[in-house]
Structure formats: structure tokens, C-alpha cells
Protein backbone atom coordinates (compact mmCIF):
# COMPACT_ATOMS: atom_id res chain seq x y z
CA MET A 1 13.92 2.12 2.96
CA ARG A 2 14.99 3.79 6.19
CA LEU A 3 13.47 7.19 6.77
CA ALA A 4 16.88 8.55 7.81
CA LYS A 5 17.97 8.34 4.17
CA THR A 6 15.10 10.45 2.85
CA ARG A 7 14.29 12.91 5.62
CA LYS A 8 16.24 15.67 7.26
CA ALA A 9 17.67 14.78 10.67
CA TRP A 10 16.63 16.91 13.63
CA ARG A 11 18.12 18.08 16.89
CA VAL A 12 15.73 17.86 19.81
CA ILE A 13 15.72 19.05 23.41
CA SER A 14 14.27 16.39 25.70
CA ILE A 15 13.04 17.57 29.11
CA ILE A 16 13.00 14.80 31.71
CA PRO A 17 12.77 14.61 35.51
CA ARG A 18 16.06 12.71 36.00
CA LEU A 19 18.57 10.60 34.10
CA SER A 20 21.01 7.83 34.96
CA PRO A 21 22.61 7.26 37.42
CA SER A 22 19.33 8.13 39.15
CA ILE A 23 16.69 5.40 39.06
CA ASP A 24 13.85 6.93 37.06
CA GLY A 25 11.50 5.10 34.70
CA VAL A 26 10.70 8.18 32.62
CA GLY A 27 14.39 9.01 32.29
CA ASP A 28 15.14 5.44 31.20
CA TYR A 29 12.34 5.66 28.62
CA ALA A 30 13.66 8.97 27.25
CA LEU A 31 17.24 7.71 27.04
CA ALA A 32 16.26 4.49 25.24
CA LEU A 33 14.14 6.52 22.81
CA ALA A 34 17.02 8.93 22.17
CA ARG A 35 19.36 6.02 21.39
CA GLN A 36 16.90 4.58 18.86
CA LEU A 37 16.19 7.96 17.26
CA ARG A 38 19.91 8.51 16.80
CA SER A 39 20.46 5.01 15.43
CA ASP A 40 17.53 4.93 13.01
CA PHE A 41 17.04 8.59 12.05
CA SER A 42 20.23 10.46 13.06
CA VAL A 43 18.20 12.56 15.51
CA GLU A 44 20.44 14.10 18.16
CA THR A 45 19.01 14.75 21.63
CA HIS A 46 20.06 17.29 24.23
CA PHE A 47 18.67 16.42 27.66
CA VAL A 48 17.52 19.08 30.10
CA VAL A 49 17.05 17.56 33.56
CA GLY A 50 14.31 19.13 35.67
CA ASP A 51 15.79 18.17 39.04
CA PRO A 52 18.41 20.61 40.36
CA THR A 53 19.69 17.96 42.80
CA TRP A 54 20.48 15.49 39.99
CA VAL A 55 24.15 14.52 39.90
CA GLY A 56 25.43 13.32 36.56
CA ASP A 57 27.88 14.01 33.75
CA ASN A 58 27.31 16.63 31.07
CA GLN A 59 27.69 13.82 28.53
CA LEU A 60 25.75 10.57 28.66
CA GLU A 61 26.39 8.03 25.90
CA GLY A 62 27.34 10.93 23.63
CA PHE A 63 24.23 12.97 24.45
CA HIS A 64 24.69 16.44 25.93
CA THR A 65 22.98 17.00 29.28
CA THR A 66 22.29 20.09 31.35
CA LYS A 67 20.06 20.65 34.36
CA VAL A 68 18.09 23.47 35.89
CA THR A 69 19.90 25.01 38.84
CA GLU A 70 16.54 25.79 40.43
CA ARG A 71 12.95 24.95 39.63
CA SER A 72 11.81 28.27 38.22
CA ALA A 73 10.28 29.43 34.95
CA LYS A 74 13.18 31.82 34.33
CA GLU A 75 15.80 29.12 34.84
CA LEU A 76 14.05 26.66 32.50
CA CYS A 77 13.71 29.30 29.80
CA THR A 78 17.42 30.10 30.19
CA GLN A 79 18.39 26.45 29.80
CA LEU A 80 16.27 26.05 26.66
CA VAL A 81 17.65 29.21 25.05
CA GLN A 82 21.24 28.12 25.72
CA VAL A 83 20.79 25.06 23.50
CA ARG A 84 21.36 26.88 20.24
CA CYS A 85 19.75 26.11 16.89
CA VAL A 86 17.16 23.74 18.34
CA LYS A 87 13.51 24.67 17.98
CA THR A 88 11.87 21.37 18.93
CA VAL A 89 11.30 20.42 22.57
CA LEU A 90 10.04 17.00 23.65
CA LEU A 91 8.63 17.14 27.17
CA HIS A 92 8.23 13.88 29.07
CA TYR A 93 5.51 14.91 31.48
CA VAL A 94 4.72 13.36 34.83
CA GLY A 95 3.74 15.92 37.44
CA TYR A 96 5.44 14.29 40.41
CA GLY A 97 8.69 14.08 38.48
CA TYR A 98 9.00 17.87 38.48
CA ALA A 99 7.34 18.89 41.76
CA LYS A 100 6.93 17.25 45.16
CA ARG A 101 3.14 17.66 45.11
CA GLY A 102 2.72 16.97 41.42
CA CYS A 103 2.01 20.59 40.43
CA PRO A 104 5.05 21.86 38.45
CA LYS A 105 3.73 25.33 37.66
CA TRP A 106 7.30 26.52 37.12
CA LEU A 107 7.69 24.02 34.28
CA VAL A 108 4.53 25.09 32.43
CA ASP A 109 5.24 28.80 33.00
CA GLY A 110 8.78 28.35 31.70
CA LEU A 111 7.57 26.66 28.52
CA LEU A 112 4.97 29.41 28.05
CA HIS A 113 7.66 32.11 28.26
CA TRP A 114 9.93 30.16 25.91
CA LYS A 115 7.16 29.74 23.34
CA ALA A 116 6.25 33.41 23.59
CA SER A 117 9.87 34.38 22.92
CA TYR A 118 10.26 31.88 20.07
CA PRO A 119 6.88 31.61 18.31
CA LYS A 120 8.28 29.29 15.65
CA ALA A 121 9.48 26.80 18.26
CA CYS A 122 7.65 23.47 18.57
CA LEU A 123 6.60 21.65 21.73
CA ILE A 124 5.70 17.95 21.79
CA THR A 125 4.39 16.63 25.11
CA MET A 126 4.37 12.97 26.01
CA PHE A 127 1.92 12.58 28.90
CA HIS A 128 3.23 9.64 30.90
CA GLU A 129 0.64 10.73 33.46
CA VAL A 130 -2.05 13.40 33.48
CA ALA A 131 -2.98 13.83 37.14
CA ALA A 132 -2.94 11.73 40.27
CA SER A 133 -5.97 10.44 42.11
CA GLY A 134 -6.15 9.59 45.78
CA LEU A 135 -8.26 9.11 48.86
CA PRO A 136 -9.93 12.23 50.32
CA TRP A 137 -7.35 12.67 53.09
CA THR A 138 -4.33 12.56 50.76
CA SER A 139 -2.57 15.47 49.04
CA ALA A 140 -3.20 13.80 45.66
CA PHE A 141 -6.95 14.23 46.22
CA TRP A 142 -6.76 17.88 47.29
CA LEU A 143 -4.33 18.86 44.54
CA SER A 144 -6.04 16.91 41.76
CA GLY A 145 -7.77 20.03 40.42
CA SER A 146 -4.51 21.95 40.15
CA GLN A 147 -2.83 19.00 38.45
CA HIS A 148 -5.62 18.80 35.86
CA GLN A 149 -5.39 22.55 35.23
CA LEU A 150 -1.66 22.31 34.57
CA ALA A 151 -2.21 19.39 32.19
CA LYS A 152 -4.86 21.40 30.36
CA ARG A 153 -2.46 24.34 30.01
CA LEU A 154 0.12 21.97 28.52
CA VAL A 155 -2.40 20.63 26.02
CA LEU A 156 -3.18 24.18 24.86
CA LEU A 157 0.53 25.06 24.74
CA SER A 158 1.74 21.97 22.88
CA ASP A 159 1.92 21.60 19.10
CA ARG A 160 1.55 17.82 19.34
CA ILE A 161 0.68 15.54 22.23
CA LEU A 162 0.72 11.80 22.79
CA THR A 163 0.27 9.48 25.73
CA SER A 164 0.66 5.89 26.88
CA LYS A 165 -2.94 5.16 27.85
CA HIS A 166 -6.21 5.34 25.94
CA SER A 167 -8.19 6.78 28.85
CA TYR A 168 -5.55 9.52 29.17
CA ALA A 169 -6.01 10.35 25.49
CA GLU A 170 -9.77 10.69 26.01
CA LEU A 171 -9.21 12.98 28.99
CA LEU A 172 -6.70 15.14 27.12
CA GLN A 173 -9.06 15.35 24.15
CA ASN A 174 -11.78 16.68 26.46
CA TYR A 175 -9.48 19.43 27.67
CA ALA A 176 -9.37 20.98 24.20
CA PRO A 177 -11.71 19.20 21.73
CA GLU A 178 -10.84 21.58 18.90
CA ARG A 179 -7.07 21.40 19.44
CA PHE A 180 -6.20 17.91 18.19
CA ALA A 181 -8.16 15.65 15.87
CA THR A 182 -6.41 12.56 17.23
CA ILE A 183 -4.05 11.88 20.10
CA PRO A 184 -1.69 8.93 19.50
CA THR A 185 -1.58 6.31 22.24
CA LEU A 186 1.69 4.41 22.60
CA PRO A 187 1.93 1.89 25.45
CA VAL A 188 5.45 2.08 26.84
CA PHE A 189 8.28 -0.08 25.54
CA SER A 190 10.72 -2.20 27.53
CA THR A 191 13.59 -0.17 28.97
CA VAL A 192 15.67 -3.33 29.55
CA GLY A 193 15.89 -4.49 25.96
CA GLU A 194 13.88 -6.56 23.50
CA LEU A 195 14.30 -9.98 21.90
CA GLN A 196 14.14 -10.56 18.17
CA ASN A 197 13.89 -14.36 18.17
CA PRO A 198 12.90 -15.47 21.68
CA SER A 199 12.98 -19.17 22.51
CA SER A 200 9.88 -21.11 23.51
CA LEU A 201 9.15 -21.74 27.19
CA SER A 202 10.09 -25.41 26.90
CA GLU A 203 13.70 -24.39 26.14
CA ARG A 204 14.03 -22.16 29.21
CA ILE A 205 14.97 -22.54 32.86
CA ARG A 206 12.02 -23.14 35.21
CA ARG A 207 12.57 -19.69 36.68
CA LEU A 208 10.12 -16.92 37.62
CA VAL A 209 11.13 -13.26 37.81
CA ILE A 210 9.79 -10.52 40.08
CA PHE A 211 11.10 -7.24 38.70
CA GLY A 212 10.60 -3.54 39.42
CA GLY A 213 10.93 -0.82 42.03
CA ARG A 214 10.62 -1.28 45.78
CA SER A 215 6.92 -0.44 46.11
CA LYS A 216 5.77 -2.74 43.32
CA ARG A 217 7.82 -5.70 44.55
CA THR A 218 6.92 -5.11 48.20
CA LYS A 219 3.25 -5.29 47.22
CA VAL A 220 3.88 -8.66 45.57
CA TYR A 221 5.40 -10.15 48.74
CA GLU A 222 2.87 -8.56 51.09
CA ASP A 223 -0.30 -9.39 49.17
CA SER A 224 0.37 -12.21 46.70
CA LEU A 225 2.23 -15.04 48.40
CA GLU A 226 -0.56 -17.56 47.82
CA GLN A 227 -0.77 -16.76 44.10
CA LEU A 228 3.01 -17.05 43.88
CA ARG A 229 2.94 -20.43 45.58
CA GLN A 230 0.22 -21.65 43.21
CA ILE A 231 1.94 -20.52 40.01
CA CYS A 232 5.26 -21.99 41.13
CA GLN A 233 3.57 -25.33 41.68
CA TYR A 234 1.62 -25.09 38.41
CA LEU A 235 4.68 -24.27 36.28
CA ASP A 236 7.11 -26.42 38.28
CA VAL A 237 9.19 -23.30 39.00
CA GLN A 238 12.60 -24.18 40.47
CA LYS A 239 13.86 -20.71 41.39
CA ILE A 240 12.66 -17.12 41.77
CA PHE A 241 14.86 -14.15 40.92
CA ASP A 242 14.00 -10.84 42.61
CA ILE A 243 15.41 -7.94 40.57
CA GLY A 244 15.47 -4.36 41.81
CA PRO A 245 16.52 -2.14 44.72
CA PRO A 246 17.03 -4.08 47.99
CA LEU A 247 13.93 -4.61 50.13
CA SER A 248 13.80 -4.41 53.91
CA SER A 249 12.31 -7.90 53.98
CA LEU A 250 12.39 -10.69 51.43
CA PRO A 251 11.11 -14.24 51.94
CA ALA A 252 13.78 -16.91 51.64
CA ASN A 253 11.36 -19.27 49.91
CA ILE A 254 7.92 -19.31 48.30
CA GLY A 255 6.72 -22.76 49.29
CA THR A 256 9.77 -24.86 48.47
CA VAL A 257 11.11 -22.49 45.80
CA PRO A 258 14.15 -20.41 46.84
CA VAL A 259 14.08 -16.65 46.28
CA THR A 260 17.36 -15.04 45.18
CA ALA A 261 17.83 -11.29 45.62
CA MET A 262 19.67 -10.09 42.51
CA GLY A 263 19.64 -6.39 43.40
CA CYS A 264 19.86 -3.63 40.79
CA LEU A 265 21.37 -4.92 37.56
CA PRO A 266 22.35 -3.35 34.23
CA SER A 267 19.59 -3.61 31.65
CA GLU A 268 21.66 -6.06 29.58
CA GLU A 269 21.85 -8.51 32.49
CA ILE A 270 18.13 -8.17 33.21
CA SER A 271 17.42 -8.93 29.56
CA VAL A 272 19.59 -12.07 29.70
CA ILE A 273 17.76 -13.29 32.82
CA LEU A 274 14.32 -12.63 31.31
CA SER A 275 15.27 -14.30 28.02
CA GLY A 276 15.99 -17.52 29.91
CA SER A 277 12.98 -17.43 32.27
CA ILE A 278 9.46 -18.73 31.80
CA ALA A 279 7.35 -16.25 33.78
CA GLY A 280 7.23 -12.75 35.25
CA PHE A 281 4.91 -11.92 38.14
CA PHE A 282 3.36 -8.53 38.97
CA ASN A 283 0.85 -7.01 41.35
CA TYR A 284 -0.16 -3.99 39.32
CA SER A 285 -3.58 -2.65 38.40
CA PRO A 286 -4.49 -4.10 34.97
CA ALA A 287 -5.95 -0.70 34.06
CA PHE A 288 -2.39 0.69 33.96
CA LEU A 289 -0.49 -2.11 32.21
CA GLY A 290 0.02 -0.01 29.08
CA LYS A 291 2.23 2.38 31.07
CA SER A 292 4.10 -0.29 33.03
CA THR A 293 7.70 -0.84 31.97
CA ILE A 294 7.64 -4.01 34.10
CA PHE A 295 4.84 -5.49 32.01
CA ALA A 296 6.51 -4.25 28.82
CA ALA A 297 9.73 -6.05 29.77
CA TYR A 298 7.88 -9.33 30.32
CA CYS A 299 6.07 -8.99 26.98
CA ALA A 300 9.25 -8.06 25.08
CA HIS A 301 11.01 -11.19 26.36
CA ARG A 302 8.13 -13.62 25.67
CA VAL A 303 7.76 -14.74 29.27
CA ILE A 304 4.30 -15.44 30.69
CA PRO A 305 3.11 -12.19 32.33
CA ILE A 306 1.21 -13.28 35.45
CA SER A 307 -1.17 -10.93 37.24
CA ALA A 308 -1.90 -11.14 40.94
CA ASN A 309 -5.23 -9.39 40.25
CA MET A 310 -8.28 -10.82 38.56
CA SER A 311 -9.69 -8.51 35.90
CA ASN A 312 -12.19 -8.19 33.07
CA LEU A 313 -10.71 -4.92 31.79
CA HIS A 314 -9.81 -4.72 28.10
CA GLU A 315 -7.33 -1.84 28.07
CA GLU A 316 -4.87 -0.87 25.29
CA GLY A 317 -5.88 -3.97 23.33
CA LEU A 318 -4.95 -6.26 26.23
CA GLN A 319 -7.33 -9.07 27.13
CA PRO A 320 -7.04 -10.68 30.57
CA GLY A 321 -6.44 -14.39 30.26
CA LYS A 322 -5.13 -13.94 26.73
CA HIS A 323 -2.23 -11.48 27.05
CA TYR A 324 -1.52 -12.12 30.74
CA ALA A 325 -2.37 -15.03 32.99
CA LEU A 326 -4.93 -14.79 35.81
CA SER A 327 -5.01 -16.85 38.97
CA ALA A 328 -8.12 -18.73 37.82
CA GLN A 329 -6.07 -20.16 34.94
CA TYR A 330 -3.45 -21.79 37.13
CA ASN A 331 -5.46 -22.59 40.25
CA THR A 332 -6.30 -26.04 38.94
CA GLU A 333 -4.88 -29.54 39.13
CA LYS A 334 -4.96 -29.92 35.36
CA LYS A 335 -2.04 -28.14 33.76
CA ASP A 336 -2.43 -26.44 30.39
CA LEU A 337 1.09 -25.49 29.40
CA ALA A 338 -0.01 -24.92 25.80
CA LEU A 339 -2.29 -22.15 27.08
CA MET A 340 0.59 -20.62 29.02
CA GLN A 341 2.75 -20.63 25.89
CA SER A 342 -0.05 -18.98 23.91
CA ILE A 343 -0.32 -16.24 26.56
CA ALA A 344 3.42 -15.57 26.28
CA ASP A 345 3.10 -15.54 22.47
CA ASN A 346 0.10 -13.19 22.52
CA ALA A 347 1.86 -10.78 24.87
CA TYR A 348 4.96 -10.79 22.67
CA SER A 349 2.89 -10.16 19.51
CA TRP A 350 0.92 -7.34 21.16
CA TYR A 351 4.18 -5.68 22.13
CA GLN A 352 5.69 -5.69 18.63
CA VAL A 353 3.18 -3.12 17.34
CA HIS A 354 4.61 -0.45 19.65
CA ASN A 355 8.14 -1.69 20.33
CA LEU A 356 11.06 0.71 20.62
CA ARG A 357 11.76 0.88 16.89
CA ALA A 358 8.07 1.51 16.08
CA GLN A 359 7.93 4.29 18.66
CA ALA A 360 11.11 5.94 17.39
CA GLN A 361 9.50 6.00 13.96
CA ALA A 362 6.32 7.56 15.40
CA TYR A 363 8.28 10.29 17.20
CA ASN A 364 10.40 11.02 14.15
CA ALA A 365 7.22 11.40 12.09
CA LEU A 366 6.03 14.01 14.62
CA PHE A 367 9.31 15.90 14.33
CA TYR A 368 9.02 15.85 10.55
CA SER A 369 5.39 16.97 10.48
CA LEU A 370 6.16 19.96 12.71
CA ASN A 371 9.36 21.05 10.98
CA ALA A 372 7.88 20.61 7.51
CA THR A 373 5.14 23.18 8.21
């Protein structure tokens, strides 16, 4: 039985840094979630964009959108009040999305004023990040304390919180041990679609995908060319598709394998490419795979996720060498394609527990628990 048939539908305000047509992973996550909540539970979302320079329509796929005209507590409170008859706010929090230095005091102050004016209102905060870390000479290092303080204020202000990473949940729990008995951890879902019945690797094109933003893909080409060459040889890769914003420099070939720059594509086209490919490569810290939409996309499409980094970290239920391939597994003359298929299968199975539909159900349960009290 679908919960939408038995539970009241809600209207929700979703605060995000930016939305389409801007390229923003958190905005893409929030929009995909809103679509699924509307489809499965008749939840309607009104987006409030926290970037006054954002240029977009006041309707996006049938969702109403407004934006702050300036980053101030008063302006945010005004925007929230103008959305009538909605008492539930879902904040997608990532400090750098709302402030250049990652300290959006205006955002937290605005929510505090709003809550004070409407004591029966409910705030749910999804912590996509808590605070940045950096080397001693960087602003991230010097502002880390302020970022943690703002996150702590949000924990105390929120009626429910959740996050995408287990270590974040532990940190948030330490901020206010008495506040929440448990903090749900939901690794992010794919923002470029999911497959219901993906084909096996043997039925696919011998193609490898490198997907993501500029910085992540640049790191692949600057630091991982030897691993790329090895995996292409191991899997008999015939072509590499590079998907994302144009790079200043892109190799024409990896070994003998041609690299094709596909540029930025609609999510539907990315999904089609992934569904017909055998592998996806990334150079991303394994400690943060649970919050990587790149990794989620590979898992959701049953390709072999291949890490440029060796690791022994077991994070978010992910086991290196079991849910993603490591260079030691393909740096050998003896090929084990059955192992590679099992890695793709394990990654796909791991993903299903927290896929988009499962997460929409989890969020709807939060809405219900708050509005039922």
C-alpha cells in the first residue's frame, strides 16, 4: 500500500543554495527528491533559493520558486512568511552554498527569527556538510570554528536532522547529545536517474565513463593516468566518455583508447550512457563516497565503480574491493571479470537500500512525525 493513500499530504518549503539552470549538486538532489515526494506522496514543494544572483523561472517543473533578494536574516524570514499555509521547512545545508567563506550566519539567524515568530513551525535540516577542514594557511582552517558553531546552532534549532555520512551523524550527535536519540544517515542518491533492471557487463559496450564537475575530473587526468591506462587494458576498454563542464585540457587518448568530450548533458542522456557502459572511474576520497553523487550514479547504473585511491576504510557500509574496485585488483596479468561483475552487483545492491524512492519515503515519514505531534 502506498503511504500517499493513507497519510495526509504536506506542503513543504525547501531551502537550497541554487537550482537549475545553475549547476549545483545540492540543488539537483533537492529537485529530484521533490519530484519523488510529489509522485509517491503528493507532497508539494516550494523552493526558496539562497543565492540572490540566481537567475531562473518562478516555476520549475510545476514547483514554485522564489529567491532571497539579499543574504540577510530579515529577507529570509520575509520569504518564508510569504509562502502561506506552510509550516514545514526542509533546509539543505552546506555552508559554502550560502556564504563565500562557509559561514552563513544570515541563514541561521533568519531561521531563528522565523521559528520565534511561528513556534509551531517545523524545521528539518539535511546536513550535506557540517564544516570544512583545510590546511593551516587556508580560510577553511581559520573559519572552521565558526562553521562548527553555526552547525551546532542549527542542530539546536532543528526539530529533526539527518545527514549523508555516518561520521557527520556522530559529530552532530556530540553537539547536542540530549537533543536527538538517533540521527538518520542517508548516503546520497543518483541525480541522473536509476535503473530497475540493469544489464550485465557482458551485454554492454566496452566503454568507461569519467563523470562529474571540473575539479573532480581534472584530478583524474592530472593524478590517475597510469591507473586509467591499466584499467582500460584490463577491461579491454574501447572508448572513454568524459561527461561534464569543458576542461581547459583533456588528453586525446589514454594509451590507445580515445577520449571523447561529451560536455554537459541532460540527466536522461547521462543515464543512457551509463546504462550501456561497463565502468566509471573516480579520484575521490573513499571516506566521502556516501556523499558523492558521482559514485551514486555509478552504483545506480550497475557499472564497476573504480577508485584511483587505495583504501581500507569501511564507510557507510562500503567495503573497498567489494563495492568498488581498487588498483591492486586490476594491476595483474590474470583477468578476473567475474570479480568485476560481482563488484558492480554489490555496488548496485548497496545502493538500493537508500535509492531515491527509499529516501522519499524516509523524508515523508519525518514530515508525518512532525505534523502528527
